[in-house]
Structures are given as C-alpha cells and as structure tokens.
Amino acid sequence: MDDALTERSEISSKLVGRAQGIYAMAAQEGVALLMVMNLAFTEGTYNGSSISVLGRNLVLNDVREMPIVGGSGVFRFARGYALAHTVWFDYNTGDATVEYNVYVSHY
C-alpha cells in the first residue's frame, strides 16, 4: 500500500504524509489482515518522521486495535496503539477510507 495520509477523512483534506506498507490475509476463517504499515509524515513538525504499526486487523470489526511498535525522527522509540475505523468502503472497487486514531508515547 502507498495511500494518502490526510488530516481528516474527507478526500479533499490536507495531505500530511503517506500510509505505506503491506497487508496479507492472516486467518483461515473470517477476514483478518496482517498489517505492516508506516505512517510517514511529510508536513509540519513531523516532516520526515514515521510511526510503525504491526498487528492483526480484523477488518469486519467496527474498531480494530493494532500496536505501535516503533518510529523514526520525532517518533523515535515510539510505543502505543492505533484504533482503525472504516469510514467508507466500495465493494466494487475495494477502495476504502479508514480513520486511524493513534495514541503514542515517544522520546
């Protein structure tokens, strides 16, 4: 994946970085993904910094929790969690808007 990271869920919202990584099916039953994702920031105070997410994403749940396992730049030694919520999904194209609320501690 290499998706727009914006301030808000609207497509016209300000671009602040990219959500980059991979996801793979991670369950024989149900729909679960293994998420390996970096939230790479390109604007403002966090420009050049990133937050790393690694975890299981149960995509059919309304809210999914995944751990923050590290970061770079301003977010060096980051720890915390991200809550994902699908705002919009198009079954025909597979396109989606996912809101992430990120709670992170860093040095």
N, C-alpha and C. Protein backbone atom coordinates (compact mmCIF):
# COMPACT_ATOMS: atom_id res chain seq x y z
N MET A 1 0.84 -1.17 0.00
CA MET A 1 0.00 0.00 0.00
C MET A 1 0.88 1.23 0.00
N ASP A 2 0.38 2.26 -0.57
CA ASP A 2 1.02 3.58 -0.57
C ASP A 2 -0.12 4.58 -0.72
N ASP A 3 -0.80 4.84 0.39
CA ASP A 3 -2.04 5.61 0.38
C ASP A 3 -1.85 6.99 1.01
N ALA A 4 -2.73 7.89 0.61
CA ALA A 4 -2.70 9.24 1.17
C ALA A 4 -2.99 9.21 2.66
N LEU A 5 -2.22 9.98 3.41
CA LEU A 5 -2.45 10.17 4.85
C LEU A 5 -2.88 11.63 5.01
N THR A 6 -4.13 11.82 5.39
CA THR A 6 -4.70 13.17 5.44
C THR A 6 -5.13 13.52 6.87
N GLU A 7 -5.34 14.82 7.10
CA GLU A 7 -5.75 15.29 8.42
C GLU A 7 -7.12 14.77 8.82
N ARG A 8 -8.02 14.70 7.88
CA ARG A 8 -9.39 14.28 8.14
C ARG A 8 -9.79 13.21 7.11
N SER A 9 -10.97 12.63 7.27
CA SER A 9 -11.38 11.53 6.39
C SER A 9 -11.85 11.98 5.01
N GLU A 10 -12.14 13.26 4.84
CA GLU A 10 -12.58 13.75 3.52
C GLU A 10 -11.43 13.69 2.53
N ILE A 11 -11.72 13.27 1.31
CA ILE A 11 -10.69 13.14 0.27
C ILE A 11 -10.02 14.48 -0.03
N SER A 12 -10.72 15.59 0.22
CA SER A 12 -10.16 16.92 -0.04
C SER A 12 -9.33 17.45 1.12
N SER A 13 -9.22 16.68 2.20
CA SER A 13 -8.48 17.10 3.38
C SER A 13 -6.99 17.23 3.07
N LYS A 14 -6.30 18.04 3.86
CA LYS A 14 -4.87 18.30 3.64
C LYS A 14 -4.04 17.02 3.75
N LEU A 15 -3.19 16.80 2.76
CA LEU A 15 -2.26 15.67 2.74
C LEU A 15 -1.12 15.96 3.71
N VAL A 16 -0.87 15.04 4.66
CA VAL A 16 0.21 15.23 5.63
C VAL A 16 1.26 14.12 5.54
N GLY A 17 1.05 13.14 4.67
CA GLY A 17 2.02 12.06 4.52
C GLY A 17 1.45 10.90 3.73
N ARG A 18 2.08 9.75 3.90
CA ARG A 18 1.66 8.54 3.19
C ARG A 18 1.56 7.39 4.20
N ALA A 19 0.57 6.53 4.01
CA ALA A 19 0.45 5.28 4.75
C ALA A 19 1.04 4.20 3.84
N GLN A 20 2.21 3.71 4.19
CA GLN A 20 2.94 2.80 3.31
C GLN A 20 3.22 1.48 4.00
N GLY A 21 3.06 0.39 3.28
CA GLY A 21 3.36 -0.91 3.86
C GLY A 21 2.71 -2.03 3.09
N ILE A 22 2.45 -3.13 3.79
CA ILE A 22 1.83 -4.30 3.17
C ILE A 22 0.77 -4.86 4.11
N TYR A 23 -0.16 -5.57 3.52
CA TYR A 23 -1.10 -6.35 4.31
C TYR A 23 -1.32 -7.67 3.61
N ALA A 24 -1.57 -8.69 4.42
CA ALA A 24 -1.76 -10.04 3.89
C ALA A 24 -2.86 -10.73 4.68
N MET A 25 -3.55 -11.65 4.05
CA MET A 25 -4.57 -12.42 4.75
C MET A 25 -3.89 -13.20 5.88
N ALA A 26 -4.54 -13.19 7.06
CA ALA A 26 -3.90 -13.78 8.23
C ALA A 26 -4.84 -14.70 9.01
N ALA A 27 -5.85 -15.27 8.35
CA ALA A 27 -6.77 -16.16 9.05
C ALA A 27 -7.38 -17.15 8.06
N GLN A 28 -7.58 -18.38 8.51
CA GLN A 28 -8.26 -19.36 7.67
C GLN A 28 -9.77 -19.15 7.72
N GLU A 29 -10.25 -18.63 8.84
CA GLU A 29 -11.67 -18.34 9.00
C GLU A 29 -11.83 -16.86 9.30
N GLY A 30 -12.85 -16.24 8.73
CA GLY A 30 -13.06 -14.81 8.95
C GLY A 30 -12.15 -13.98 8.07
N VAL A 31 -12.21 -12.69 8.28
CA VAL A 31 -11.39 -11.76 7.48
C VAL A 31 -10.47 -11.02 8.44
N ALA A 32 -9.21 -11.40 8.41
CA ALA A 32 -8.20 -10.75 9.24
C ALA A 32 -6.96 -10.51 8.38
N LEU A 33 -6.38 -9.35 8.54
CA LEU A 33 -5.17 -8.99 7.80
C LEU A 33 -4.01 -8.84 8.76
N LEU A 34 -2.81 -9.19 8.31
CA LEU A 34 -1.59 -8.82 9.00
C LEU A 34 -1.18 -7.48 8.41
N MET A 35 -1.15 -6.44 9.23
CA MET A 35 -0.80 -5.10 8.78
C MET A 35 0.65 -4.79 9.16
N VAL A 36 1.42 -4.37 8.19
CA VAL A 36 2.77 -3.85 8.39
C VAL A 36 2.74 -2.49 7.71
N MET A 37 2.66 -1.43 8.52
CA MET A 37 2.40 -0.11 7.94
C MET A 37 3.23 0.96 8.63
N ASN A 38 3.76 1.86 7.82
CA ASN A 38 4.43 3.05 8.32
C ASN A 38 3.58 4.26 7.98
N LEU A 39 3.31 5.08 8.97
CA LEU A 39 2.67 6.37 8.74
C LEU A 39 3.81 7.36 8.58
N ALA A 40 4.12 7.70 7.34
CA ALA A 40 5.28 8.53 7.00
C ALA A 40 4.80 9.97 6.78
N PHE A 41 5.24 10.87 7.63
CA PHE A 41 4.77 12.26 7.59
C PHE A 41 5.66 13.13 6.70
N THR A 42 5.01 14.03 5.96
CA THR A 42 5.72 14.90 5.02
C THR A 42 5.42 16.39 5.24
N GLU A 43 4.72 16.71 6.33
CA GLU A 43 4.32 18.09 6.58
C GLU A 43 4.58 18.50 8.02
N GLY A 44 4.82 19.78 8.24
CA GLY A 44 4.86 20.36 9.57
C GLY A 44 5.93 19.80 10.49
N THR A 45 5.64 19.82 11.77
CA THR A 45 6.57 19.40 12.82
C THR A 45 7.05 17.96 12.63
N TYR A 46 6.21 17.11 12.06
CA TYR A 46 6.52 15.68 11.94
C TYR A 46 7.14 15.32 10.59
N ASN A 47 7.41 16.30 9.74
CA ASN A 47 8.00 16.05 8.43
C ASN A 47 9.27 15.21 8.56
N GLY A 48 9.32 14.09 7.83
CA GLY A 48 10.48 13.21 7.85
C GLY A 48 10.42 12.14 8.94
N SER A 49 9.41 12.18 9.79
CA SER A 49 9.24 11.20 10.86
C SER A 49 8.20 10.16 10.46
N SER A 50 8.23 9.01 11.15
CA SER A 50 7.24 7.98 10.86
C SER A 50 6.87 7.22 12.13
N ILE A 51 5.70 6.59 12.06
CA ILE A 51 5.20 5.71 13.12
C ILE A 51 4.98 4.34 12.49
N SER A 52 5.47 3.29 13.14
CA SER A 52 5.36 1.93 12.61
C SER A 52 4.28 1.13 13.33
N VAL A 53 3.36 0.56 12.53
CA VAL A 53 2.26 -0.24 13.04
C VAL A 53 2.47 -1.68 12.57
N LEU A 54 2.31 -2.63 13.48
CA LEU A 54 2.43 -4.05 13.11
C LEU A 54 1.41 -4.82 13.92
N GLY A 55 0.43 -5.42 13.25
CA GLY A 55 -0.55 -6.17 14.02
C GLY A 55 -1.65 -6.78 13.16
N ARG A 56 -2.56 -7.43 13.85
CA ARG A 56 -3.71 -8.10 13.23
C ARG A 56 -4.87 -7.14 13.11
N ASN A 57 -5.45 -7.07 11.92
CA ASN A 57 -6.57 -6.17 11.64
C ASN A 57 -7.79 -7.01 11.29
N LEU A 58 -8.74 -7.10 12.22
CA LEU A 58 -10.00 -7.81 11.98
C LEU A 58 -10.94 -6.85 11.25
N VAL A 59 -10.84 -6.80 9.94
CA VAL A 59 -11.44 -5.74 9.14
C VAL A 59 -12.97 -5.64 9.24
N LEU A 60 -13.66 -6.69 9.64
CA LEU A 60 -15.11 -6.61 9.75
C LEU A 60 -15.57 -6.03 11.09
N ASN A 61 -14.65 -5.87 12.05
CA ASN A 61 -14.99 -5.21 13.31
C ASN A 61 -15.09 -3.71 13.08
N ASP A 62 -15.99 -3.06 13.82
CA ASP A 62 -16.15 -1.62 13.66
C ASP A 62 -14.86 -0.88 14.01
N VAL A 63 -14.25 -1.22 15.14
CA VAL A 63 -12.99 -0.61 15.56
C VAL A 63 -11.97 -1.71 15.80
N ARG A 64 -10.78 -1.53 15.23
CA ARG A 64 -9.71 -2.51 15.38
C ARG A 64 -8.52 -1.85 16.06
N GLU A 65 -7.89 -2.56 16.99
CA GLU A 65 -6.72 -2.04 17.69
C GLU A 65 -5.47 -2.75 17.21
N MET A 66 -4.44 -1.96 16.89
CA MET A 66 -3.16 -2.51 16.47
C MET A 66 -2.04 -1.78 17.21
N PRO A 67 -0.96 -2.50 17.53
CA PRO A 67 0.12 -1.88 18.29
C PRO A 67 1.03 -0.99 17.45
N ILE A 68 1.54 0.06 18.08
CA ILE A 68 2.62 0.88 17.53
C ILE A 68 3.91 0.23 18.04
N VAL A 69 4.78 -0.17 17.15
CA VAL A 69 5.97 -0.91 17.54
C VAL A 69 7.27 -0.12 17.38
N GLY A 70 7.16 1.11 16.94
CA GLY A 70 8.36 1.93 16.79
C GLY A 70 8.09 3.14 15.94
N GLY A 71 9.16 3.84 15.62
CA GLY A 71 9.05 5.03 14.80
C GLY A 71 10.41 5.59 14.49
N SER A 72 10.42 6.71 13.79
CA SER A 72 11.68 7.36 13.45
C SER A 72 11.51 8.87 13.60
N GLY A 73 12.63 9.56 13.60
CA GLY A 73 12.59 11.02 13.73
C GLY A 73 12.01 11.42 15.07
N VAL A 74 11.01 12.31 15.04
CA VAL A 74 10.34 12.76 16.26
C VAL A 74 9.77 11.58 17.04
N PHE A 75 9.39 10.51 16.34
CA PHE A 75 8.74 9.37 16.96
C PHE A 75 9.71 8.22 17.30
N ARG A 76 10.99 8.53 17.42
CA ARG A 76 11.97 7.50 17.79
C ARG A 76 11.57 6.85 19.11
N PHE A 77 11.67 5.53 19.21
CA PHE A 77 11.29 4.73 20.38
C PHE A 77 9.78 4.79 20.65
N ALA A 78 8.98 5.02 19.64
CA ALA A 78 7.53 5.13 19.83
C ALA A 78 6.93 3.80 20.29
N ARG A 79 5.93 3.92 21.17
CA ARG A 79 5.12 2.80 21.63
C ARG A 79 3.70 3.31 21.80
N GLY A 80 2.73 2.45 21.58
CA GLY A 80 1.34 2.85 21.76
C GLY A 80 0.42 1.95 20.98
N TYR A 81 -0.69 2.53 20.53
CA TYR A 81 -1.66 1.75 19.76
C TYR A 81 -2.41 2.65 18.80
N ALA A 82 -2.94 2.02 17.78
CA ALA A 82 -3.76 2.71 16.77
C ALA A 82 -5.13 2.05 16.73
N LEU A 83 -6.16 2.88 16.70
CA LEU A 83 -7.53 2.38 16.54
C LEU A 83 -7.98 2.71 15.13
N ALA A 84 -8.34 1.69 14.37
CA ALA A 84 -8.78 1.87 12.98
C ALA A 84 -10.29 1.71 12.89
N HIS A 85 -10.91 2.56 12.10
CA HIS A 85 -12.36 2.52 11.87
C HIS A 85 -12.61 2.81 10.40
N THR A 86 -13.30 1.90 9.70
CA THR A 86 -13.61 2.12 8.29
C THR A 86 -14.77 3.10 8.18
N VAL A 87 -14.50 4.23 7.52
CA VAL A 87 -15.49 5.28 7.34
C VAL A 87 -16.32 5.01 6.09
N TRP A 88 -15.67 4.50 5.04
CA TRP A 88 -16.32 4.28 3.77
C TRP A 88 -15.62 3.13 3.05
N PHE A 89 -16.42 2.27 2.39
CA PHE A 89 -15.86 1.15 1.63
C PHE A 89 -16.70 0.91 0.40
N ASP A 90 -16.07 0.76 -0.75
CA ASP A 90 -16.74 0.45 -2.02
C ASP A 90 -16.44 -1.01 -2.36
N TYR A 91 -17.46 -1.87 -2.26
CA TYR A 91 -17.27 -3.30 -2.52
C TYR A 91 -16.89 -3.59 -3.97
N ASN A 92 -17.28 -2.72 -4.90
CA ASN A 92 -16.97 -2.95 -6.31
C ASN A 92 -15.50 -2.70 -6.63
N THR A 93 -14.92 -1.66 -6.04
CA THR A 93 -13.53 -1.30 -6.36
C THR A 93 -12.53 -1.72 -5.30
N GLY A 94 -13.01 -1.96 -4.08
CA GLY A 94 -12.12 -2.26 -2.97
C GLY A 94 -11.54 -1.01 -2.32
N ASP A 95 -11.91 0.17 -2.81
CA ASP A 95 -11.43 1.42 -2.23
C ASP A 95 -12.06 1.65 -0.87
N ALA A 96 -11.31 2.25 0.03
CA ALA A 96 -11.82 2.49 1.37
C ALA A 96 -11.19 3.75 1.95
N THR A 97 -11.90 4.35 2.88
CA THR A 97 -11.37 5.42 3.72
C THR A 97 -11.38 4.88 5.14
N VAL A 98 -10.20 4.83 5.74
CA VAL A 98 -10.06 4.30 7.10
C VAL A 98 -9.50 5.41 7.99
N GLU A 99 -10.18 5.63 9.11
CA GLU A 99 -9.74 6.62 10.08
C GLU A 99 -8.88 5.92 11.12
N TYR A 100 -7.72 6.49 11.41
CA TYR A 100 -6.83 5.96 12.44
C TYR A 100 -6.70 7.00 13.55
N ASN A 101 -7.02 6.60 14.77
CA ASN A 101 -6.73 7.40 15.95
C ASN A 101 -5.52 6.75 16.60
N VAL A 102 -4.43 7.52 16.69
CA VAL A 102 -3.15 6.97 17.13
C VAL A 102 -2.79 7.57 18.49
N TYR A 103 -2.47 6.69 19.43
CA TYR A 103 -2.05 7.09 20.77
C TYR A 103 -0.61 6.60 20.94
N VAL A 104 0.33 7.54 21.05
CA VAL A 104 1.74 7.17 21.01
C VAL A 104 2.54 7.92 22.06
N SER A 105 3.46 7.19 22.70
CA SER A 105 4.45 7.79 23.58
C SER A 105 5.81 7.66 22.87
N HIS A 106 6.62 8.69 22.96
CA HIS A 106 7.92 8.67 22.32
C HIS A 106 8.87 9.60 23.06
N TYR A 107 10.15 9.50 22.73
CA TYR A 107 11.16 10.35 23.36
C TYR A 107 11.40 11.57 22.53
